[in-house]
Every structure is written in C-alpha cells, then in structure tokens.
PDB file of all heavy atoms in Angstrom:
ATOM      1  N   MET A   1      10.657 -66.640  63.440  1.00  0.00           N
ATOM      2  CA  MET A   1      10.100 -68.006  62.878  1.00  0.00           C
ATOM      3  C   MET A   1       8.681 -67.797  62.779  1.00  0.00           C
ATOM      4  O   MET A   1       7.980 -67.639  63.698  1.00  0.00           O
ATOM      5  CB  MET A   1      10.585 -69.078  63.801  1.00  0.00           C
ATOM      6  CG  MET A   1       9.901 -70.423  63.439  1.00  0.00           C
ATOM      7  SD  MET A   1      10.751 -71.291  62.110  1.00  0.00           S
ATOM      8  CE  MET A   1      12.163 -71.877  63.003  1.00  0.00           C
ATOM      9  N   GLU A   2       8.179 -67.933  61.422  1.00  0.00           N
ATOM     10  CA  GLU A   2       6.776 -67.914  61.274  1.00  0.00           C
ATOM     11  C   GLU A   2       6.223 -69.238  60.710  1.00  0.00           C
ATOM     12  O   GLU A   2       7.071 -70.025  60.121  1.00  0.00           O
ATOM     13  CB  GLU A   2       6.394 -66.790  60.194  1.00  0.00           C
ATOM     14  CG  GLU A   2       6.774 -65.391  60.690  1.00  0.00           C
ATOM     15  CD  GLU A   2       5.965 -64.339  59.985  1.00  0.00           C
ATOM     16  OE1 GLU A   2       4.967 -64.639  59.317  1.00  0.00           O
ATOM     17  OE2 GLU A   2       6.458 -63.203  60.062  1.00  0.00           O
ATOM     18  N   GLY A   3       4.983 -69.458  60.965  1.00  0.00           N
ATOM     19  CA  GLY A   3       4.336 -70.663  60.537  1.00  0.00           C
ATOM     20  C   GLY A   3       3.131 -70.327  59.758  1.00  0.00           C
ATOM     21  O   GLY A   3       2.402 -69.397  60.073  1.00  0.00           O
ATOM     22  N   LEU A   4       2.773 -71.185  58.738  1.00  0.00           N
ATOM     23  CA  LEU A   4       1.623 -71.023  57.934  1.00  0.00           C
ATOM     24  C   LEU A   4       0.993 -72.335  57.629  1.00  0.00           C
ATOM     25  O   LEU A   4       1.713 -73.252  57.171  1.00  0.00           O
ATOM     26  CB  LEU A   4       1.965 -70.215  56.637  1.00  0.00           C
ATOM     27  CG  LEU A   4       0.864 -70.150  55.632  1.00  0.00           C
ATOM     28  CD1 LEU A   4      -0.180 -69.178  56.009  1.00  0.00           C
ATOM     29  CD2 LEU A   4       1.503 -69.763  54.257  1.00  0.00           C
ATOM     30  N   MET A   5      -0.395 -72.368  57.782  1.00  0.00           N
ATOM     31  CA  MET A   5      -1.106 -73.591  57.376  1.00  0.00           C
ATOM     32  C   MET A   5      -2.380 -73.122  56.629  1.00  0.00           C
ATOM     33  O   MET A   5      -3.069 -72.298  57.157  1.00  0.00           O
ATOM     34  CB  MET A   5      -1.462 -74.385  58.673  1.00  0.00           C
ATOM     35  CG  MET A   5      -2.313 -75.624  58.268  1.00  0.00           C
ATOM     36  SD  MET A   5      -2.701 -76.607  59.760  1.00  0.00           S
ATOM     37  CE  MET A   5      -3.806 -77.816  59.033  1.00  0.00           C
ATOM     38  N   VAL A   6      -2.563 -73.619  55.471  1.00  0.00           N
ATOM     39  CA  VAL A   6      -3.646 -73.324  54.661  1.00  0.00           C
ATOM     40  C   VAL A   6      -4.262 -74.600  54.073  1.00  0.00           C
ATOM     41  O   VAL A   6      -3.552 -75.422  53.540  1.00  0.00           O
ATOM     42  CB  VAL A   6      -3.312 -72.373  53.429  1.00  0.00           C
ATOM     43  CG1 VAL A   6      -4.413 -72.038  52.535  1.00  0.00           C
ATOM     44  CG2 VAL A   6      -2.606 -71.154  53.978  1.00  0.00           C
ATOM     45  N   ASP A   7      -5.517 -74.749  54.217  1.00  0.00           N
ATOM     46  CA  ASP A   7      -6.145 -75.922  53.740  1.00  0.00           C
ATOM     47  C   ASP A   7      -7.708 -75.664  53.782  1.00  0.00           C
ATOM     48  O   ASP A   7      -8.188 -74.605  54.239  1.00  0.00           O
ATOM     49  CB  ASP A   7      -5.848 -77.099  54.673  1.00  0.00           C
ATOM     50  CG  ASP A   7      -6.102 -78.431  53.771  1.00  0.00           C
ATOM     51  OD1 ASP A   7      -6.746 -78.385  52.683  1.00  0.00           O
ATOM     52  OD2 ASP A   7      -5.678 -79.497  54.369  1.00  0.00           O
ATOM     53  N   GLU A   8      -8.480 -76.494  53.281  1.00  0.00           N
ATOM     54  CA  GLU A   8     -10.017 -76.376  53.387  1.00  0.00           C
ATOM     55  C   GLU A   8     -10.477 -76.782  54.803  1.00  0.00           C
ATOM     56  O   GLU A   8      -9.966 -77.747  55.361  1.00  0.00           O
ATOM     57  CB  GLU A   8     -10.592 -77.307  52.373  1.00  0.00           C
ATOM     58  CG  GLU A   8     -10.285 -77.006  50.909  1.00  0.00           C
ATOM     59  CD  GLU A   8     -10.953 -77.903  49.910  1.00  0.00           C
ATOM     60  OE1 GLU A   8     -11.877 -78.602  50.345  1.00  0.00           O
ATOM     61  OE2 GLU A   8     -10.681 -77.820  48.743  1.00  0.00           O
ATOM     62  N   GLY A   9     -11.191 -75.933  55.354  1.00  0.00           N
ATOM     63  CA  GLY A   9     -11.815 -76.232  56.736  1.00  0.00           C
ATOM     64  C   GLY A   9     -10.822 -75.869  57.858  1.00  0.00           C
ATOM     65  O   GLY A   9     -11.149 -76.307  58.979  1.00  0.00           O
ATOM     66  N   THR A  10      -9.741 -75.113  57.596  1.00  0.00           N
ATOM     67  CA  THR A  10      -8.902 -74.835  58.735  1.00  0.00           C
ATOM     68  C   THR A  10      -9.457 -73.841  59.752  1.00  0.00           C
ATOM     69  O   THR A  10     -10.147 -72.870  59.256  1.00  0.00           O
ATOM     70  CB  THR A  10      -7.534 -74.201  58.215  1.00  0.00           C
ATOM     71  OG1 THR A  10      -6.980 -75.125  57.294  1.00  0.00           O
ATOM     72  CG2 THR A  10      -6.546 -74.000  59.447  1.00  0.00           C
ATOM     73  N   THR A  11      -9.400 -74.075  61.061  1.00  0.00           N
ATOM     74  CA  THR A  11     -10.152 -73.277  61.961  1.00  0.00           C
ATOM     75  C   THR A  11      -9.155 -72.680  63.122  1.00  0.00           C
ATOM     76  O   THR A  11      -8.077 -73.242  63.154  1.00  0.00           O
ATOM     77  CB  THR A  11     -11.253 -73.991  62.686  1.00  0.00           C
ATOM     78  OG1 THR A  11     -10.670 -75.038  63.462  1.00  0.00           O
ATOM     79  CG2 THR A  11     -12.209 -74.668  61.610  1.00  0.00           C
ATOM     80  N   MET A  12      -9.728 -71.781  63.866  1.00  0.00           N
ATOM     81  CA  MET A  12      -8.916 -71.234  65.037  1.00  0.00           C
ATOM     82  C   MET A  12      -8.678 -72.372  66.058  1.00  0.00           C
ATOM     83  O   MET A  12      -7.630 -72.379  66.782  1.00  0.00           O
ATOM     84  CB  MET A  12      -9.675 -70.231  65.725  1.00  0.00           C
ATOM     85  CG  MET A  12      -9.081 -69.546  66.844  1.00  0.00           C
ATOM     86  SD  MET A  12      -7.628 -68.448  66.415  1.00  0.00           S
ATOM     87  CE  MET A  12      -8.493 -66.916  65.969  1.00  0.00           C
ATOM     88  N   ALA A  13      -9.587 -73.427  66.110  1.00  0.00           N
ATOM     89  CA  ALA A  13      -9.397 -74.490  67.026  1.00  0.00           C
ATOM     90  C   ALA A  13      -8.081 -75.261  66.651  1.00  0.00           C
ATOM     91  O   ALA A  13      -7.295 -75.814  67.466  1.00  0.00           O
ATOM     92  CB  ALA A  13     -10.567 -75.394  67.076  1.00  0.00           C
ATOM     93  N   HIS A  14      -7.823 -75.471  65.370  1.00  0.00           N
ATOM     94  CA  HIS A  14      -6.643 -76.037  64.936  1.00  0.00           C
ATOM     95  C   HIS A  14      -5.333 -75.311  65.342  1.00  0.00           C
ATOM     96  O   HIS A  14      -4.376 -75.860  65.759  1.00  0.00           O
ATOM     97  CB  HIS A  14      -6.622 -76.273  63.383  1.00  0.00           C
ATOM     98  CG  HIS A  14      -7.691 -77.104  62.854  1.00  0.00           C
ATOM     99  ND1 HIS A  14      -8.420 -76.876  61.760  1.00  0.00           N
ATOM    100  CD2 HIS A  14      -8.245 -78.288  63.374  1.00  0.00           C
ATOM    101  CE1 HIS A  14      -9.339 -77.822  61.552  1.00  0.00           C
ATOM    102  NE2 HIS A  14      -9.228 -78.687  62.499  1.00  0.00           N
ATOM    103  N   LEU A  15      -5.497 -73.961  65.327  1.00  0.00           N
ATOM    104  CA  LEU A  15      -4.394 -73.182  65.523  1.00  0.00           C
ATOM    105  C   LEU A  15      -4.046 -73.256  67.128  1.00  0.00           C
ATOM    106  O   LEU A  15      -2.878 -73.452  67.579  1.00  0.00           O
ATOM    107  CB  LEU A  15      -4.693 -71.615  65.212  1.00  0.00           C
ATOM    108  CG  LEU A  15      -3.736 -70.638  65.813  1.00  0.00           C
ATOM    109  CD1 LEU A  15      -2.303 -70.855  65.281  1.00  0.00           C
ATOM    110  CD2 LEU A  15      -4.266 -69.243  65.520  1.00  0.00           C
ATOM    111  N   ARG A  16      -5.093 -73.206  67.925  1.00  0.00           N
ATOM    112  CA  ARG A  16      -5.014 -73.247  69.419  1.00  0.00           C
ATOM    113  C   ARG A  16      -4.330 -74.580  69.794  1.00  0.00           C
ATOM    114  O   ARG A  16      -3.497 -74.638  70.658  1.00  0.00           O
ATOM    115  CB  ARG A  16      -6.244 -73.019  70.038  1.00  0.00           C
ATOM    116  CG  ARG A  16      -6.120 -73.006  71.554  1.00  0.00           C
ATOM    117  CD  ARG A  16      -7.218 -72.372  72.336  1.00  0.00           C
ATOM    118  NE  ARG A  16      -6.965 -72.274  73.738  1.00  0.00           N
ATOM    119  CZ  ARG A  16      -7.695 -71.543  74.557  1.00  0.00           C
ATOM    120  NH1 ARG A  16      -8.707 -70.821  74.091  1.00  0.00           N
ATOM    121  NH2 ARG A  16      -7.306 -71.431  75.854  1.00  0.00           N
ATOM    122  N   GLY A  17      -4.830 -75.685  69.206  1.00  0.00           N
ATOM    123  CA  GLY A  17      -4.385 -77.078  69.557  1.00  0.00           C
ATOM    124  C   GLY A  17      -2.950 -77.246  69.249  1.00  0.00           C
ATOM    125  O   GLY A  17      -2.092 -77.728  69.953  1.00  0.00           O
ATOM    126  N   LEU A  18      -2.606 -76.668  67.960  1.00  0.00           N
ATOM    127  CA  LEU A  18      -1.158 -76.772  67.664  1.00  0.00           C
ATOM    128  C   LEU A  18      -0.175 -75.942  68.573  1.00  0.00           C
ATOM    129  O   LEU A  18       0.737 -76.421  69.021  1.00  0.00           O
ATOM    130  CB  LEU A  18      -0.950 -76.213  66.188  1.00  0.00           C
ATOM    131  CG  LEU A  18       0.492 -76.138  65.637  1.00  0.00           C
ATOM    132  CD1 LEU A  18       1.050 -77.492  65.529  1.00  0.00           C
ATOM    133  CD2 LEU A  18       0.539 -75.286  64.331  1.00  0.00           C
ATOM    134  N   LEU A  19      -0.606 -74.700  68.863  1.00  0.00           N
ATOM    135  CA  LEU A  19       0.219 -73.863  69.745  1.00  0.00           C
ATOM    136  C   LEU A  19       0.398 -74.437  71.154  1.00  0.00           C
ATOM    137  O   LEU A  19       1.378 -74.283  71.783  1.00  0.00           O
ATOM    138  CB  LEU A  19      -0.312 -72.476  69.696  1.00  0.00           C
ATOM    139  CG  LEU A  19      -0.279 -71.741  68.348  1.00  0.00           C
ATOM    140  CD1 LEU A  19      -0.663 -70.197  68.538  1.00  0.00           C
ATOM    141  CD2 LEU A  19       1.151 -71.750  67.732  1.00  0.00           C
ATOM    142  N   GLU A  20      -0.704 -74.941  71.668  1.00  0.00           N
ATOM    143  CA  GLU A  20      -0.660 -75.504  72.973  1.00  0.00           C
ATOM    144  C   GLU A  20       0.369 -76.764  73.035  1.00  0.00           C
ATOM    145  O   GLU A  20       1.104 -76.988  73.966  1.00  0.00           O
ATOM    146  CB  GLU A  20      -1.987 -75.942  73.524  1.00  0.00           C
ATOM    147  CG  GLU A  20      -2.903 -74.763  73.913  1.00  0.00           C
ATOM    148  CD  GLU A  20      -4.324 -75.120  74.346  1.00  0.00           C
ATOM    149  OE1 GLU A  20      -4.608 -76.290  74.178  1.00  0.00           O
ATOM    150  OE2 GLU A  20      -4.958 -74.190  74.897  1.00  0.00           O
ATOM    151  N   ALA A  21       0.251 -77.562  71.960  1.00  0.00           N
ATOM    152  CA  ALA A  21       1.133 -78.753  71.911  1.00  0.00           C
ATOM    153  C   ALA A  21       2.594 -78.247  71.691  1.00  0.00           C
ATOM    154  O   ALA A  21       3.541 -78.832  72.333  1.00  0.00           O
ATOM    155  CB  ALA A  21       0.788 -79.637  70.781  1.00  0.00           C
ATOM    156  N   PHE A  22       2.770 -77.260  70.925  1.00  0.00           N
ATOM    157  CA  PHE A  22       4.081 -76.684  70.692  1.00  0.00           C
ATOM    158  C   PHE A  22       4.611 -76.094  72.037  1.00  0.00           C
ATOM    159  O   PHE A  22       5.821 -76.402  72.399  1.00  0.00           O
ATOM    160  CB  PHE A  22       4.001 -75.623  69.667  1.00  0.00           C
ATOM    161  CG  PHE A  22       5.221 -74.647  69.577  1.00  0.00           C
ATOM    162  CD1 PHE A  22       6.426 -75.167  69.145  1.00  0.00           C
ATOM    163  CD2 PHE A  22       5.313 -73.395  70.019  1.00  0.00           C
ATOM    164  CE1 PHE A  22       7.577 -74.341  69.031  1.00  0.00           C
ATOM    165  CE2 PHE A  22       6.286 -72.628  70.045  1.00  0.00           C
ATOM    166  CZ  PHE A  22       7.546 -73.082  69.530  1.00  0.00           C
ATOM    167  N   ALA A  23       3.920 -75.316  72.695  1.00  0.00           N
ATOM    168  CA  ALA A  23       4.361 -74.650  74.029  1.00  0.00           C
ATOM    169  C   ALA A  23       4.687 -75.864  74.996  1.00  0.00           C
ATOM    170  O   ALA A  23       5.754 -75.723  75.720  1.00  0.00           O
ATOM    171  CB  ALA A  23       3.378 -73.803  74.556  1.00  0.00           C
ATOM    172  N   GLY A  24       3.871 -76.870  75.041  1.00  0.00           N
ATOM    173  CA  GLY A  24       4.208 -78.028  76.045  1.00  0.00           C
ATOM    174  C   GLY A  24       5.523 -78.661  75.718  1.00  0.00           C
ATOM    175  O   GLY A  24       6.255 -79.073  76.646  1.00  0.00           O
ATOM    176  N   ALA A  25       5.746 -78.868  74.394  1.00  0.00           N
ATOM    177  CA  ALA A  25       6.868 -79.604  73.997  1.00  0.00           C
ATOM    178  C   ALA A  25       8.229 -78.681  74.142  1.00  0.00           C
ATOM    179  O   ALA A  25       9.201 -79.158  74.526  1.00  0.00           O
ATOM    180  CB  ALA A  25       6.878 -79.999  72.500  1.00  0.00           C
ATOM    181  N   LEU A  26       8.036 -77.392  74.082  1.00  0.00           N
ATOM    182  CA  LEU A  26       9.220 -76.519  74.117  1.00  0.00           C
ATOM    183  C   LEU A  26       9.443 -76.046  75.662  1.00  0.00           C
ATOM    184  O   LEU A  26      10.654 -76.035  76.030  1.00  0.00           O
ATOM    185  CB  LEU A  26       8.931 -75.243  73.283  1.00  0.00           C
ATOM    186  CG  LEU A  26      10.228 -74.344  73.120  1.00  0.00           C
ATOM    187  CD1 LEU A  26      11.353 -75.077  72.348  1.00  0.00           C
ATOM    188  CD2 LEU A  26       9.746 -73.105  72.349  1.00  0.00           C
ATOM    189  N   PHE A  27       8.492 -75.791  76.352  1.00  0.00           N
ATOM    190  CA  PHE A  27       8.675 -75.281  77.760  1.00  0.00           C
ATOM    191  C   PHE A  27       8.183 -76.232  78.846  1.00  0.00           C
ATOM    192  O   PHE A  27       8.579 -76.046  80.063  1.00  0.00           O
ATOM    193  CB  PHE A  27       7.874 -73.949  77.908  1.00  0.00           C
ATOM    194  CG  PHE A  27       8.229 -72.870  76.943  1.00  0.00           C
ATOM    195  CD1 PHE A  27       7.415 -72.451  75.883  1.00  0.00           C
ATOM    196  CD2 PHE A  27       9.511 -72.365  76.926  1.00  0.00           C
ATOM    197  CE1 PHE A  27       7.767 -71.405  75.058  1.00  0.00           C
ATOM    198  CE2 PHE A  27       9.866 -71.318  76.166  1.00  0.00           C
ATOM    199  CZ  PHE A  27       9.017 -70.889  75.194  1.00  0.00           C
ATOM    200  N   GLY A  28       7.545 -77.270  78.479  1.00  0.00           N
ATOM    201  CA  GLY A  28       7.058 -78.249  79.520  1.00  0.00           C
ATOM    202  C   GLY A  28       5.556 -78.365  79.506  1.00  0.00           C
ATOM    203  O   GLY A  28       4.913 -77.394  79.373  1.00  0.00           O
ATOM    204  N   ALA A  29       5.093 -79.562  79.600  1.00  0.00           N
ATOM    205  CA  ALA A  29       3.736 -79.827  79.595  1.00  0.00           C
ATOM    206  C   ALA A  29       2.893 -79.261  80.708  1.00  0.00           C
ATOM    207  O   ALA A  29       1.686 -79.151  80.728  1.00  0.00           O
ATOM    208  CB  ALA A  29       3.353 -81.390  79.447  1.00  0.00           C
ATOM    209  N   ASP A  30       3.608 -78.970  81.882  1.00  0.00           N
ATOM    210  CA  ASP A  30       2.878 -78.335  83.060  1.00  0.00           C
ATOM    211  C   ASP A  30       2.655 -76.856  82.813  1.00  0.00           C
ATOM    212  O   ASP A  30       1.979 -76.298  83.834  1.00  0.00           O
ATOM    213  CB  ASP A  30       3.755 -78.637  84.257  1.00  0.00           C
ATOM    214  CG  ASP A  30       5.041 -78.060  84.128  1.00  0.00           C
ATOM    215  OD1 ASP A  30       5.676 -77.917  83.073  1.00  0.00           O
ATOM    216  OD2 ASP A  30       5.637 -77.629  85.245  1.00  0.00           O
ATOM    217  N   LYS A  31       3.081 -76.172  81.875  1.00  0.00           N
ATOM    218  CA  LYS A  31       2.993 -74.729  81.746  1.00  0.00           C
ATOM    219  C   LYS A  31       1.618 -74.464  81.075  1.00  0.00           C
ATOM    220  O   LYS A  31       1.127 -75.006  80.133  1.00  0.00           O
ATOM    221  CB  LYS A  31       4.060 -74.182  80.836  1.00  0.00           C
ATOM    222  CG  LYS A  31       5.492 -74.339  81.390  1.00  0.00           C
ATOM    223  CD  LYS A  31       5.603 -73.600  82.716  1.00  0.00           C
ATOM    224  CE  LYS A  31       7.018 -73.683  83.326  1.00  0.00           C
ATOM    225  NZ  LYS A  31       7.146 -73.016  84.581  1.00  0.00           N
ATOM    226  N   ARG A  32       0.853 -73.543  81.799  1.00  0.00           N
ATOM    227  CA  ARG A  32      -0.390 -73.057  81.355  1.00  0.00           C
ATOM    228  C   ARG A  32      -0.281 -72.123  80.156  1.00  0.00           C
ATOM    229  O   ARG A  32       0.712 -71.390  80.077  1.00  0.00           O
ATOM    230  CB  ARG A  32      -1.190 -72.466  82.366  1.00  0.00           C
ATOM    231  CG  ARG A  32      -1.522 -73.283  83.582  1.00  0.00           C
ATOM    232  CD  ARG A  32      -2.312 -72.502  84.666  1.00  0.00           C
ATOM    233  NE  ARG A  32      -1.522 -71.362  85.204  1.00  0.00           N
ATOM    234  CZ  ARG A  32      -1.993 -70.337  85.697  1.00  0.00           C
ATOM    235  NH1 ARG A  32      -3.400 -70.159  85.834  1.00  0.00           N
ATOM    236  NH2 ARG A  32      -1.257 -69.371  86.279  1.00  0.00           N
ATOM    237  N   THR A  33      -1.216 -72.110  79.263  1.00  0.00           N
ATOM    238  CA  THR A  33      -1.120 -71.240  78.208  1.00  0.00           C
ATOM    239  C   THR A  33      -2.560 -70.483  78.046  1.00  0.00           C
ATOM    240  O   THR A  33      -3.509 -70.945  78.533  1.00  0.00           O
ATOM    241  CB  THR A  33      -0.950 -71.893  76.741  1.00  0.00           C
ATOM    242  OG1 THR A  33      -1.999 -72.910  76.585  1.00  0.00           O
ATOM    243  CG2 THR A  33       0.382 -72.708  76.977  1.00  0.00           C
ATOM    244  N   ARG A  34      -2.536 -69.392  77.226  1.00  0.00           N
ATOM    245  CA  ARG A  34      -3.758 -68.690  77.060  1.00  0.00           C
ATOM    246  C   ARG A  34      -3.793 -67.861  75.676  1.00  0.00           C
ATOM    247  O   ARG A  34      -2.710 -67.539  75.245  1.00  0.00           O
ATOM    248  CB  ARG A  34      -4.162 -67.727  78.227  1.00  0.00           C
ATOM    249  CG  ARG A  34      -3.247 -66.542  78.228  1.00  0.00           C
ATOM    250  CD  ARG A  34      -3.658 -65.456  79.290  1.00  0.00           C
ATOM    251  NE  ARG A  34      -2.811 -64.307  79.316  1.00  0.00           N
ATOM    252  CZ  ARG A  34      -2.928 -63.257  80.176  1.00  0.00           C
ATOM    253  NH1 ARG A  34      -3.899 -63.288  81.086  1.00  0.00           N
ATOM    254  NH2 ARG A  34      -2.227 -62.191  80.012  1.00  0.00           N
ATOM    255  N   PHE A  35      -4.948 -67.741  75.100  1.00  0.00           N
ATOM    256  CA  PHE A  35      -5.203 -66.830  74.008  1.00  0.00           C
ATOM    257  C   PHE A  35      -5.750 -65.514  74.527  1.00  0.00           C
ATOM    258  O   PHE A  35      -6.538 -65.536  75.519  1.00  0.00           O
ATOM    259  CB  PHE A  35      -6.146 -67.394  72.998  1.00  0.00           C
ATOM    260  CG  PHE A  35      -5.621 -68.254  71.970  1.00  0.00           C
ATOM    261  CD1 PHE A  35      -4.282 -68.851  72.139  1.00  0.00           C
ATOM    262  CD2 PHE A  35      -6.330 -68.476  70.776  1.00  0.00           C
ATOM    263  CE1 PHE A  35      -3.821 -69.582  71.072  1.00  0.00           C
ATOM    264  CE2 PHE A  35      -5.696 -69.201  69.744  1.00  0.00           C
ATOM    265  CZ  PHE A  35      -4.479 -69.759  69.919  1.00  0.00           C
ATOM    266  N   ARG A  36      -5.342 -64.421  73.864  1.00  0.00           N
ATOM    267  CA  ARG A  36      -6.080 -63.136  74.193  1.00  0.00           C
ATOM    268  C   ARG A  36      -6.015 -62.345  72.920  1.00  0.00           C
ATOM    269  O   ARG A  36      -5.234 -62.612  71.937  1.00  0.00           O
ATOM    270  CB  ARG A  36      -5.318 -62.379  75.349  1.00  0.00           C
ATOM    271  CG  ARG A  36      -3.906 -62.135  75.033  1.00  0.00           C
ATOM    272  CD  ARG A  36      -3.250 -61.465  76.306  1.00  0.00           C
ATOM    273  NE  ARG A  36      -1.755 -61.225  76.082  1.00  0.00           N
ATOM    274  CZ  ARG A  36      -1.187 -60.152  75.411  1.00  0.00           C
ATOM    275  NH1 ARG A  36      -2.004 -59.236  74.919  1.00  0.00           N
ATOM    276  NH2 ARG A  36       0.011 -60.011  75.256  1.00  0.00           N
ATOM    277  N   PRO A  37      -6.989 -61.429  72.762  1.00  0.00           N
ATOM    278  CA  PRO A  37      -7.159 -60.664  71.586  1.00  0.00           C
ATOM    279  C   PRO A  37      -5.864 -59.898  71.176  1.00  0.00           C
ATOM    280  O   PRO A  37      -5.188 -59.387  72.053  1.00  0.00           O
ATOM    281  CB  PRO A  37      -8.241 -59.725  71.886  1.00  0.00           C
ATOM    282  CG  PRO A  37      -9.087 -60.398  72.998  1.00  0.00           C
ATOM    283  CD  PRO A  37      -8.084 -61.082  73.801  1.00  0.00           C
ATOM    284  N   GLY A  38      -5.610 -59.853  69.927  1.00  0.00           N
ATOM    285  CA  GLY A  38      -4.504 -59.073  69.366  1.00  0.00           C
ATOM    286  C   GLY A  38      -4.987 -58.353  68.140  1.00  0.00           C
ATOM    287  O   GLY A  38      -6.018 -58.550  67.610  1.00  0.00           O
ATOM    288  N   TYR A  39      -3.872 -57.813  67.504  1.00  0.00           N
ATOM    289  CA  TYR A  39      -4.158 -57.121  66.188  1.00  0.00           C
ATOM    290  C   TYR A  39      -2.878 -57.337  65.178  1.00  0.00           C
ATOM    291  O   TYR A  39      -1.802 -56.963  65.726  1.00  0.00           O
ATOM    292  CB  TYR A  39      -4.528 -55.645  66.302  1.00  0.00           C
ATOM    293  CG  TYR A  39      -4.488 -54.964  64.925  1.00  0.00           C
ATOM    294  CD1 TYR A  39      -5.402 -55.140  63.911  1.00  0.00           C
ATOM    295  CD2 TYR A  39      -3.415 -54.219  64.452  1.00  0.00           C
ATOM    296  CE1 TYR A  39      -5.362 -54.666  62.711  1.00  0.00           C
ATOM    297  CE2 TYR A  39      -3.236 -53.520  63.293  1.00  0.00           C
ATOM    298  CZ  TYR A  39      -4.319 -53.846  62.375  1.00  0.00           C
ATOM    299  OH  TYR A  39      -4.221 -53.318  61.136  1.00  0.00           O
ATOM    300  N   TYR A  40      -3.088 -57.834  64.148  1.00  0.00           N
ATOM    301  CA  TYR A  40      -2.113 -57.813  62.991  1.00  0.00           C
ATOM    302  C   TYR A  40      -2.818 -57.625  61.767  1.00  0.00           C
ATOM    303  O   TYR A  40      -3.852 -58.180  61.536  1.00  0.00           O
ATOM    304  CB  TYR A  40      -1.340 -59.173  62.955  1.00  0.00           C
ATOM    305  CG  TYR A  40      -0.701 -59.501  64.343  1.00  0.00           C
ATOM    306  CD1 TYR A  40      -1.377 -60.432  65.243  1.00  0.00           C
ATOM    307  CD2 TYR A  40       0.399 -58.948  64.808  1.00  0.00           C
ATOM    308  CE1 TYR A  40      -0.812 -60.697  66.421  1.00  0.00           C
ATOM    309  CE2 TYR A  40       0.984 -59.251  66.034  1.00  0.00           C
ATOM    310  CZ  TYR A  40       0.364 -60.083  66.785  1.00  0.00           C
ATOM    311  OH  TYR A  40       0.907 -60.454  67.995  1.00  0.00           O
ATOM    312  N   PRO A  41      -2.336 -56.705  60.856  1.00  0.00           N
ATOM    313  CA  PRO A  41      -3.038 -56.476  59.674  1.00  0.00           C
ATOM    314  C   PRO A  41      -3.252 -57.686  58.745  1.00  0.00           C
ATOM    315  O   PRO A  41      -4.142 -57.678  57.863  1.00  0.00           O
ATOM    316  CB  PRO A  41      -2.227 -55.376  58.952  1.00  0.00           C
ATOM    317  CG  PRO A  41      -0.822 -55.508  59.537  1.00  0.00           C
ATOM    318  CD  PRO A  41      -1.073 -55.956  60.962  1.00  0.00           C
ATOM    319  N   PHE A  42      -2.436 -58.699  58.793  1.00  0.00           N
ATOM    320  CA  PHE A  42      -2.475 -59.753  57.864  1.00  0.00           C
ATOM    321  C   PHE A  42      -3.278 -60.956  58.479  1.00  0.00           C
ATOM    322  O   PHE A  42      -3.322 -61.984  57.827  1.00  0.00           O
ATOM    323  CB  PHE A  42      -1.101 -60.212  57.370  1.00  0.00           C
ATOM    324  CG  PHE A  42      -0.026 -60.084  58.444  1.00  0.00           C
ATOM    325  CD1 PHE A  42       0.129 -61.036  59.468  1.00  0.00           C
ATOM    326  CD2 PHE A  42       0.868 -59.018  58.421  1.00  0.00           C
ATOM    327  CE1 PHE A  42       1.161 -60.829  60.348  1.00  0.00           C
ATOM    328  CE2 PHE A  42       1.759 -58.751  59.267  1.00  0.00           C
ATOM    329  CZ  PHE A  42       1.989 -59.737  60.332  1.00  0.00           C
ATOM    330  N   THR A  43      -3.859 -60.848  59.633  1.00  0.00           N
ATOM    331  CA  THR A  43      -4.652 -61.918  60.141  1.00  0.00           C
ATOM    332  C   THR A  43      -5.979 -61.290  60.709  1.00  0.00           C
ATOM    333  O   THR A  43      -5.992 -60.189  61.178  1.00  0.00           O
ATOM    334  CB  THR A  43      -3.970 -62.670  61.320  1.00  0.00           C
ATOM    335  OG1 THR A  43      -3.593 -61.758  62.305  1.00  0.00           O
ATOM    336  CG2 THR A  43      -2.750 -63.486  60.786  1.00  0.00           C
ATOM    337  N   GLU A  44      -7.114 -62.063  60.691  1.00  0.00           N
ATOM    338  CA  GLU A  44      -8.389 -61.722  61.224  1.00  0.00           C
ATOM    339  C   GLU A  44      -9.226 -62.843  61.428  1.00  0.00           C
ATOM    340  O   GLU A  44      -9.568 -63.612  60.539  1.00  0.00           O
ATOM    341  CB  GLU A  44      -8.988 -60.670  60.246  1.00  0.00           C
ATOM    342  CG  GLU A  44     -10.397 -60.171  60.667  1.00  0.00           C
ATOM    343  CD  GLU A  44     -10.340 -59.494  61.957  1.00  0.00           C
ATOM    344  OE1 GLU A  44      -9.343 -58.622  62.210  1.00  0.00           O
ATOM    345  OE2 GLU A  44     -11.337 -59.584  62.769  1.00  0.00           O
ATOM    346  N   PRO A  45      -9.544 -63.189  62.739  1.00  0.00           N
ATOM    347  CA  PRO A  45      -9.113 -62.520  63.968  1.00  0.00           C
ATOM    348  C   PRO A  45      -7.761 -62.729  64.262  1.00  0.00           C
ATOM    349  O   PRO A  45      -7.140 -63.677  63.873  1.00  0.00           O
ATOM    350  CB  PRO A  45     -10.079 -63.054  65.071  1.00  0.00           C
ATOM    351  CG  PRO A  45     -10.354 -64.416  64.505  1.00  0.00           C
ATOM    352  CD  PRO A  45     -10.454 -64.279  63.053  1.00  0.00           C
ATOM    353  N   SER A  46      -7.164 -61.856  65.070  1.00  0.00           N
ATOM    354  CA  SER A  46      -5.734 -61.936  65.581  1.00  0.00           C
ATOM    355  C   SER A  46      -5.723 -62.235  67.109  1.00  0.00           C
ATOM    356  O   SER A  46      -6.536 -61.832  67.847  1.00  0.00           O
ATOM    357  CB  SER A  46      -5.051 -60.669  65.274  1.00  0.00           C
ATOM    358  OG  SER A  46      -4.986 -60.403  63.957  1.00  0.00           O
TER     359      SER A  46
END
C-alpha cells in the first residue's frame, strides 16, 4: 500500500504528522514512533 501527496508547499513535517496520526489510529495512540534516515531512489530525502 503506497501513498502519494503532491501540492504546493508540501513538506516533511506534513509527512511526519500524517504518519504519526496513522500509526496511532492503527496501533494505538500510546505507541511511540520515530523517523530515521533511509534510502529509496525515488525519494530525497528518504
């Protein structure tokens, strides 16, 4: 399952906020989350 959002002014902060809300709804609001560096050729930064 992939997701894509494209618009003017879209930022990494929007991505993080969405994924944290998603993880809380799917696994529970009490679960901690984190970002860490990764690599994918079609995203930068990953």
